[in-house]
Amino acid sequence: MVAQITFGTPVSMTEEIKERILDNESRAQSELYTNMMQIMIPLEASKEYYLGSVWKIEINEKGEISILKG
């Protein structure tokens, strides 16, 4: 089994965004999250990533990715 971890940025819900979303439930939200990166990891490793915590993602010029709790 695997877990999916999504890193994203919160964006305030604007009238323009509301007009583009078809789902009525989404219209009630005050913000949404734009996805920056998603990773799949073994389920047992997912305990290291806490819901709502803050992580710092760095991608260097060679394409190497570092994920640090910050």
C-alpha atoms as a PDB file:
ATOM      1  CA  MET A   1       0.000   0.000   0.000  1.00  0.00           C
ATOM      2  CA  VAL A   2       1.113   3.567  -0.704  1.00  0.00           C
ATOM      3  CA  ALA A   3       0.164   7.034   0.528  1.00  0.00           C
ATOM      4  CA  GLN A   4      -0.068  10.124  -1.646  1.00  0.00           C
ATOM      5  CA  ILE A   5       1.382  13.316  -0.180  1.00  0.00           C
ATOM      6  CA  THR A   6       0.454  16.605  -1.813  1.00  0.00           C
ATOM      7  CA  PHE A   7       2.347  19.844  -1.289  1.00  0.00           C
ATOM      8  CA  GLY A   8       0.448  22.951  -2.323  1.00  0.00           C
ATOM      9  CA  THR A   9      -0.106  26.657  -1.869  1.00  0.00           C
ATOM     10  CA  PRO A  10      -3.332  28.133  -0.481  1.00  0.00           C
ATOM     11  CA  VAL A  11      -5.097  30.604  -2.770  1.00  0.00           C
ATOM     12  CA  SER A  12      -8.003  32.811  -1.689  1.00  0.00           C
ATOM     13  CA  MET A  13     -11.262  31.996  -3.470  1.00  0.00           C
ATOM     14  CA  THR A  14     -12.107  34.842  -5.841  1.00  0.00           C
ATOM     15  CA  GLU A  15     -15.259  35.388  -7.866  1.00  0.00           C
ATOM     16  CA  GLU A  16     -13.323  34.500 -11.024  1.00  0.00           C
ATOM     17  CA  ILE A  17     -12.246  31.159  -9.543  1.00  0.00           C
ATOM     18  CA  LYS A  18     -15.780  30.435  -8.269  1.00  0.00           C
ATOM     19  CA  GLU A  19     -17.168  30.898 -11.791  1.00  0.00           C
ATOM     20  CA  ARG A  20     -14.781  28.237 -13.125  1.00  0.00           C
ATOM     21  CA  ILE A  21     -15.582  25.572 -10.512  1.00  0.00           C
ATOM     22  CA  LEU A  22     -18.566  23.400 -11.281  1.00  0.00           C
ATOM     23  CA  ASP A  23     -18.771  21.574  -7.941  1.00  0.00           C
ATOM     24  CA  ASN A  24     -21.269  23.308  -5.603  1.00  0.00           C
ATOM     25  CA  GLU A  25     -19.337  22.174  -2.512  1.00  0.00           C
ATOM     26  CA  SER A  26     -16.228  24.022  -3.715  1.00  0.00           C
ATOM     27  CA  ARG A  27     -18.174  27.276  -3.959  1.00  0.00           C
ATOM     28  CA  ALA A  28     -18.558  27.352  -0.161  1.00  0.00           C
ATOM     29  CA  GLN A  29     -14.784  27.244   0.451  1.00  0.00           C
ATOM     30  CA  SER A  30     -12.854  30.403   1.321  1.00  0.00           C
ATOM     31  CA  GLU A  31      -9.621  29.077  -0.225  1.00  0.00           C
ATOM     32  CA  LEU A  32      -8.306  26.283  -2.402  1.00  0.00           C
ATOM     33  CA  TYR A  33      -4.890  24.771  -2.869  1.00  0.00           C
ATOM     34  CA  THR A  34      -2.873  24.767  -6.033  1.00  0.00           C
ATOM     35  CA  ASN A  35      -0.775  21.645  -6.369  1.00  0.00           C
ATOM     36  CA  MET A  36       2.924  22.129  -6.602  1.00  0.00           C
ATOM     37  CA  MET A  37       4.033  18.541  -6.178  1.00  0.00           C
ATOM     38  CA  GLN A  38       2.612  15.114  -5.348  1.00  0.00           C
ATOM     39  CA  ILE A  39       4.649  12.118  -4.261  1.00  0.00           C
ATOM     40  CA  MET A  40       3.746   8.505  -3.576  1.00  0.00           C
ATOM     41  CA  ILE A  41       5.477   6.759  -0.676  1.00  0.00           C
ATOM     42  CA  PRO A  42       5.057   3.448   1.174  1.00  0.00           C
ATOM     43  CA  LEU A  43       2.203   3.718   3.679  1.00  0.00           C
ATOM     44  CA  GLU A  44       4.465   3.022   6.673  1.00  0.00           C
ATOM     45  CA  ALA A  45       6.637   6.042   5.743  1.00  0.00           C
ATOM     46  CA  SER A  46       3.638   8.403   5.649  1.00  0.00           C
ATOM     47  CA  LYS A  47       3.688   8.878   9.433  1.00  0.00           C
ATOM     48  CA  GLU A  48       6.570  11.337   8.922  1.00  0.00           C
ATOM     49  CA  TYR A  49       4.267  13.779   7.089  1.00  0.00           C
ATOM     50  CA  TYR A  50       1.736  15.421   9.396  1.00  0.00           C
ATOM     51  CA  LEU A  51      -1.482  16.905   8.076  1.00  0.00           C
ATOM     52  CA  GLY A  52      -1.250  20.692   8.047  1.00  0.00           C
ATOM     53  CA  SER A  53       2.453  20.859   8.860  1.00  0.00           C
ATOM     54  CA  VAL A  54       4.816  23.141   6.974  1.00  0.00           C
ATOM     55  CA  TRP A  55       7.448  21.683   4.672  1.00  0.00           C
ATOM     56  CA  LYS A  56      10.095  23.441   2.596  1.00  0.00           C
ATOM     57  CA  ILE A  57      10.690  22.145  -0.915  1.00  0.00           C
ATOM     58  CA  GLU A  58      13.848  23.022  -2.822  1.00  0.00           C
ATOM     59  CA  ILE A  59      14.637  22.051  -6.401  1.00  0.00           C
ATOM     60  CA  ASN A  60      18.183  22.844  -7.489  1.00  0.00           C
ATOM     61  CA  GLU A  61      19.452  23.542 -11.010  1.00  0.00           C
ATOM     62  CA  LYS A  62      20.245  19.843 -11.537  1.00  0.00           C
ATOM     63  CA  GLY A  63      16.632  18.898 -10.709  1.00  0.00           C
ATOM     64  CA  GLU A  64      17.417  17.389  -7.312  1.00  0.00           C
ATOM     65  CA  ILE A  65      14.542  17.764  -4.851  1.00  0.00           C
ATOM     66  CA  SER A  66      14.985  18.351  -1.114  1.00  0.00           C
ATOM     67  CA  ILE A  67      12.019  18.238   1.269  1.00  0.00           C
ATOM     68  CA  LEU A  68      12.701  19.604   4.738  1.00  0.00           C
ATOM     69  CA  LYS A  69      10.377  20.166   7.663  1.00  0.00           C
ATOM     70  CA  GLY A  70      10.549  23.856   8.433  1.00  0.00           C
END
